[in-house]
Amino acid sequence: MRVTVRVHPGSRITDVGGRFGDVDPPVLTVRVAAPAVDGRANRAVETAVADAFGVARRQVSLRSGHASRTKVLDVEGGDPARLRELLQRSPGGGPAVGPR
């Protein structure tokens, strides 16, 4: 399944949840503590999304947006119902994943 995310690097916590903007298809908000330096935020996003969907890290790959805050990820084995749950959470409503 393909997921579009809006990344907030350098956040206090790592959190996956909430809808960014009012666009279609919906964009999932992802906050990561890692800074946007040397691909660290990209790796943190892949890990956070994998944890949020309950899949292995290797099942998440960055398809586009390597240098952008808006990214498209492929999530193998991702559940569309879980994506809907994550989109309905209020952004920053608490960690959806553990600290990284």
N, C-alpha and C. Protein backbone atom coordinates (compact mmCIF):
# COMPACT_ATOMS: atom_id res chain seq x y z
N MET A 1 0.85 -1.16 0.00
CA MET A 1 0.00 0.00 0.00
C MET A 1 0.89 1.23 0.00
N ARG A 2 0.45 2.25 -0.67
CA ARG A 2 1.21 3.50 -0.77
C ARG A 2 0.65 4.51 0.22
N VAL A 3 1.55 5.17 0.98
CA VAL A 3 1.16 6.14 2.01
C VAL A 3 1.94 7.43 1.78
N THR A 4 1.22 8.55 1.73
CA THR A 4 1.86 9.86 1.65
C THR A 4 1.94 10.42 3.05
N VAL A 5 3.12 10.92 3.43
CA VAL A 5 3.32 11.45 4.77
C VAL A 5 3.90 12.87 4.71
N ARG A 6 3.63 13.63 5.74
CA ARG A 6 4.25 14.94 5.93
C ARG A 6 5.11 14.84 7.17
N VAL A 7 6.40 15.07 7.01
CA VAL A 7 7.38 14.83 8.07
C VAL A 7 7.71 16.13 8.80
N HIS A 8 7.81 16.01 10.12
CA HIS A 8 8.26 17.10 10.98
C HIS A 8 9.51 16.61 11.70
N PRO A 9 10.72 16.83 11.10
CA PRO A 9 11.96 16.36 11.72
C PRO A 9 12.33 17.23 12.92
N GLY A 10 13.15 16.69 13.78
CA GLY A 10 13.63 17.44 14.94
C GLY A 10 12.57 17.65 16.00
N SER A 11 11.53 16.83 16.01
CA SER A 11 10.46 16.95 17.01
C SER A 11 10.93 16.42 18.35
N ARG A 12 10.22 16.78 19.36
CA ARG A 12 10.52 16.33 20.71
C ARG A 12 10.32 14.82 20.85
N ILE A 13 9.29 14.31 20.16
CA ILE A 13 8.95 12.89 20.24
C ILE A 13 8.78 12.33 18.84
N THR A 14 8.79 11.01 18.76
CA THR A 14 8.44 10.34 17.52
C THR A 14 6.98 9.96 17.62
N ASP A 15 6.18 10.38 16.62
CA ASP A 15 4.74 10.18 16.67
C ASP A 15 4.21 10.04 15.26
N VAL A 16 3.32 9.08 15.06
CA VAL A 16 2.67 8.89 13.77
C VAL A 16 1.18 9.02 14.00
N GLY A 17 0.57 10.00 13.37
CA GLY A 17 -0.88 10.13 13.50
C GLY A 17 -1.35 11.53 13.21
N GLY A 18 -2.53 11.61 12.66
CA GLY A 18 -3.14 12.88 12.31
C GLY A 18 -3.08 13.10 10.82
N ARG A 19 -3.97 13.93 10.36
CA ARG A 19 -4.07 14.24 8.94
C ARG A 19 -3.46 15.61 8.70
N PHE A 20 -2.62 15.71 7.67
CA PHE A 20 -2.01 16.99 7.32
C PHE A 20 -2.82 17.61 6.19
N GLY A 21 -3.37 18.79 6.45
CA GLY A 21 -4.13 19.50 5.43
C GLY A 21 -5.44 18.81 5.10
N ASP A 22 -6.06 19.29 4.05
CA ASP A 22 -7.35 18.75 3.63
C ASP A 22 -7.25 18.39 2.14
N VAL A 23 -6.41 17.42 1.86
CA VAL A 23 -6.17 17.02 0.47
C VAL A 23 -6.59 15.57 0.28
N ASP A 24 -6.76 15.20 -0.98
CA ASP A 24 -7.10 13.83 -1.30
C ASP A 24 -6.08 13.32 -2.30
N PRO A 25 -5.38 12.23 -2.10
CA PRO A 25 -5.53 11.33 -0.97
C PRO A 25 -4.99 11.96 0.32
N PRO A 26 -5.45 11.45 1.47
CA PRO A 26 -5.03 12.02 2.74
C PRO A 26 -3.54 11.87 2.99
N VAL A 27 -2.98 12.82 3.73
CA VAL A 27 -1.56 12.83 4.06
C VAL A 27 -1.41 12.62 5.56
N LEU A 28 -0.65 11.62 5.93
CA LEU A 28 -0.42 11.24 7.33
C LEU A 28 0.72 12.06 7.92
N THR A 29 0.52 12.58 9.12
CA THR A 29 1.56 13.36 9.80
C THR A 29 2.50 12.42 10.55
N VAL A 30 3.81 12.64 10.37
CA VAL A 30 4.83 11.85 11.06
C VAL A 30 5.83 12.82 11.68
N ARG A 31 5.99 12.71 13.00
CA ARG A 31 6.99 13.51 13.71
C ARG A 31 8.14 12.58 14.12
N VAL A 32 9.36 13.02 13.88
CA VAL A 32 10.52 12.23 14.28
C VAL A 32 11.52 13.13 14.99
N ALA A 33 12.21 12.56 15.95
CA ALA A 33 13.21 13.31 16.71
C ALA A 33 14.47 13.55 15.89
N ALA A 34 14.74 12.69 14.95
CA ALA A 34 15.96 12.80 14.15
C ALA A 34 15.96 14.08 13.31
N PRO A 35 17.11 14.70 13.18
CA PRO A 35 17.20 15.90 12.32
C PRO A 35 17.27 15.50 10.85
N ALA A 36 16.95 16.45 10.00
CA ALA A 36 16.99 16.21 8.54
C ALA A 36 18.42 16.40 8.03
N VAL A 37 19.30 15.54 8.48
CA VAL A 37 20.71 15.61 8.13
C VAL A 37 21.18 14.21 7.72
N ASP A 38 21.83 14.12 6.58
CA ASP A 38 22.43 12.86 6.12
C ASP A 38 21.44 11.70 6.08
N GLY A 39 20.17 11.95 5.77
CA GLY A 39 19.17 10.89 5.64
C GLY A 39 18.67 10.32 6.95
N ARG A 40 19.08 10.91 8.08
CA ARG A 40 18.66 10.36 9.38
C ARG A 40 17.16 10.47 9.58
N ALA A 41 16.56 11.58 9.17
CA ALA A 41 15.11 11.72 9.32
C ALA A 41 14.38 10.72 8.43
N ASN A 42 14.88 10.49 7.22
CA ASN A 42 14.24 9.53 6.33
C ASN A 42 14.23 8.13 6.94
N ARG A 43 15.35 7.72 7.50
CA ARG A 43 15.42 6.40 8.14
C ARG A 43 14.49 6.34 9.35
N ALA A 44 14.43 7.44 10.12
CA ALA A 44 13.54 7.47 11.28
C ALA A 44 12.07 7.41 10.87
N VAL A 45 11.73 8.05 9.76
CA VAL A 45 10.35 8.00 9.25
C VAL A 45 10.00 6.57 8.86
N GLU A 46 10.88 5.90 8.14
CA GLU A 46 10.61 4.52 7.74
C GLU A 46 10.41 3.62 8.95
N THR A 47 11.23 3.80 9.96
CA THR A 47 11.12 3.00 11.18
C THR A 47 9.82 3.31 11.92
N ALA A 48 9.49 4.59 12.06
CA ALA A 48 8.28 4.98 12.78
C ALA A 48 7.03 4.47 12.07
N VAL A 49 6.99 4.57 10.76
CA VAL A 49 5.83 4.09 9.99
C VAL A 49 5.73 2.56 10.11
N ALA A 50 6.85 1.87 10.04
CA ALA A 50 6.83 0.41 10.20
C ALA A 50 6.26 0.04 11.57
N ASP A 51 6.72 0.71 12.62
CA ASP A 51 6.21 0.44 13.97
C ASP A 51 4.72 0.74 14.07
N ALA A 52 4.28 1.84 13.49
CA ALA A 52 2.88 2.24 13.57
C ALA A 52 1.97 1.24 12.85
N PHE A 53 2.46 0.65 11.77
CA PHE A 53 1.66 -0.33 11.02
C PHE A 53 1.89 -1.76 11.49
N GLY A 54 2.85 -1.95 12.39
CA GLY A 54 3.12 -3.29 12.91
C GLY A 54 3.76 -4.21 11.88
N VAL A 55 4.61 -3.63 11.04
CA VAL A 55 5.33 -4.44 10.04
C VAL A 55 6.82 -4.29 10.29
N ALA A 56 7.60 -5.15 9.67
CA ALA A 56 9.05 -5.08 9.80
C ALA A 56 9.58 -3.85 9.06
N ARG A 57 10.66 -3.30 9.53
CA ARG A 57 11.27 -2.11 8.94
C ARG A 57 11.57 -2.32 7.45
N ARG A 58 11.98 -3.52 7.08
CA ARG A 58 12.32 -3.80 5.69
C ARG A 58 11.10 -3.78 4.77
N GLN A 59 9.88 -3.76 5.34
CA GLN A 59 8.65 -3.71 4.55
C GLN A 59 8.22 -2.28 4.22
N VAL A 60 8.98 -1.31 4.67
CA VAL A 60 8.69 0.10 4.38
C VAL A 60 9.83 0.67 3.56
N SER A 61 9.49 1.28 2.43
CA SER A 61 10.53 1.88 1.60
C SER A 61 10.09 3.25 1.11
N LEU A 62 11.04 4.15 1.08
CA LEU A 62 10.81 5.51 0.62
C LEU A 62 10.77 5.50 -0.90
N ARG A 63 9.64 5.87 -1.46
CA ARG A 63 9.47 5.85 -2.91
C ARG A 63 9.85 7.19 -3.53
N SER A 64 9.44 8.29 -2.89
CA SER A 64 9.79 9.62 -3.40
C SER A 64 9.78 10.62 -2.26
N GLY A 65 10.46 11.75 -2.49
CA GLY A 65 10.51 12.81 -1.49
C GLY A 65 11.72 12.75 -0.59
N HIS A 66 12.82 12.22 -1.08
CA HIS A 66 14.02 12.07 -0.25
C HIS A 66 14.47 13.38 0.38
N ALA A 67 14.31 14.49 -0.30
CA ALA A 67 14.76 15.79 0.22
C ALA A 67 13.58 16.72 0.53
N SER A 68 12.39 16.16 0.65
CA SER A 68 11.19 16.95 0.88
C SER A 68 10.53 16.54 2.19
N ARG A 69 9.72 17.43 2.75
CA ARG A 69 8.96 17.06 3.94
C ARG A 69 7.77 16.18 3.60
N THR A 70 7.31 16.26 2.36
CA THR A 70 6.23 15.38 1.91
C THR A 70 6.86 14.20 1.19
N LYS A 71 6.57 13.00 1.67
CA LYS A 71 7.19 11.80 1.15
C LYS A 71 6.12 10.76 0.81
N VAL A 72 6.46 9.88 -0.10
CA VAL A 72 5.59 8.76 -0.44
C VAL A 72 6.34 7.48 -0.07
N LEU A 73 5.67 6.65 0.73
CA LEU A 73 6.25 5.40 1.19
C LEU A 73 5.43 4.22 0.69
N ASP A 74 6.09 3.13 0.41
CA ASP A 74 5.41 1.86 0.15
C ASP A 74 5.49 1.05 1.43
N VAL A 75 4.32 0.58 1.90
CA VAL A 75 4.25 -0.23 3.11
C VAL A 75 3.70 -1.60 2.73
N GLU A 76 4.58 -2.59 2.64
CA GLU A 76 4.16 -3.95 2.32
C GLU A 76 3.40 -4.52 3.52
N GLY A 77 2.21 -5.04 3.27
CA GLY A 77 1.43 -5.63 4.35
C GLY A 77 0.73 -4.61 5.21
N GLY A 78 0.74 -3.33 4.79
CA GLY A 78 0.04 -2.29 5.55
C GLY A 78 -1.46 -2.48 5.47
N ASP A 79 -2.15 -2.25 6.57
CA ASP A 79 -3.59 -2.43 6.66
C ASP A 79 -4.30 -1.09 6.45
N PRO A 80 -5.17 -0.98 5.44
CA PRO A 80 -5.89 0.28 5.20
C PRO A 80 -6.71 0.73 6.40
N ALA A 81 -7.22 -0.21 7.19
CA ALA A 81 -7.98 0.16 8.40
C ALA A 81 -7.06 0.85 9.40
N ARG A 82 -5.83 0.38 9.52
CA ARG A 82 -4.86 1.01 10.43
C ARG A 82 -4.52 2.41 9.95
N LEU A 83 -4.40 2.60 8.63
CA LEU A 83 -4.14 3.93 8.09
C LEU A 83 -5.28 4.88 8.46
N ARG A 84 -6.52 4.43 8.32
CA ARG A 84 -7.67 5.27 8.69
C ARG A 84 -7.62 5.65 10.17
N GLU A 85 -7.25 4.69 11.02
CA GLU A 85 -7.13 4.96 12.47
C GLU A 85 -6.07 6.04 12.72
N LEU A 86 -4.92 5.89 12.08
CA LEU A 86 -3.83 6.85 12.27
C LEU A 86 -4.22 8.24 11.77
N LEU A 87 -4.92 8.30 10.65
CA LEU A 87 -5.35 9.60 10.11
C LEU A 87 -6.35 10.30 11.03
N GLN A 88 -7.14 9.53 11.76
CA GLN A 88 -8.16 10.12 12.62
C GLN A 88 -7.61 10.60 13.96
N ARG A 89 -6.41 10.16 14.34
CA ARG A 89 -5.80 10.63 15.58
C ARG A 89 -5.50 12.11 15.47
N SER A 90 -5.57 12.82 16.57
CA SER A 90 -5.16 14.21 16.53
C SER A 90 -3.64 14.26 16.53
N PRO A 91 -3.04 15.13 15.69
CA PRO A 91 -1.58 15.21 15.65
C PRO A 91 -1.01 15.53 17.01
N GLY A 92 0.04 14.82 17.39
CA GLY A 92 0.67 15.04 18.67
C GLY A 92 -0.14 14.51 19.83
N GLY A 93 -1.12 13.65 19.53
CA GLY A 93 -2.00 13.11 20.57
C GLY A 93 -1.36 12.04 21.43
N GLY A 94 -0.07 11.90 21.36
CA GLY A 94 0.62 10.89 22.14
C GLY A 94 1.40 9.97 21.22
N PRO A 95 2.43 9.38 21.71
CA PRO A 95 3.26 8.55 20.86
C PRO A 95 2.50 7.34 20.34
N ALA A 96 2.56 7.14 19.03
CA ALA A 96 2.01 5.93 18.41
C ALA A 96 3.11 4.89 18.32
N VAL A 97 4.33 5.31 18.55
CA VAL A 97 5.47 4.42 18.50
C VAL A 97 6.38 4.78 19.67
N GLY A 98 7.27 3.88 20.00
CA GLY A 98 8.20 4.15 21.09
C GLY A 98 9.27 5.14 20.69
N PRO A 99 10.00 5.65 21.64
CA PRO A 99 11.08 6.60 21.32
C PRO A 99 12.18 5.93 20.53
N ARG A 100 12.81 6.69 19.68
CA ARG A 100 13.89 6.19 18.82
C ARG A 100 15.16 6.92 19.13
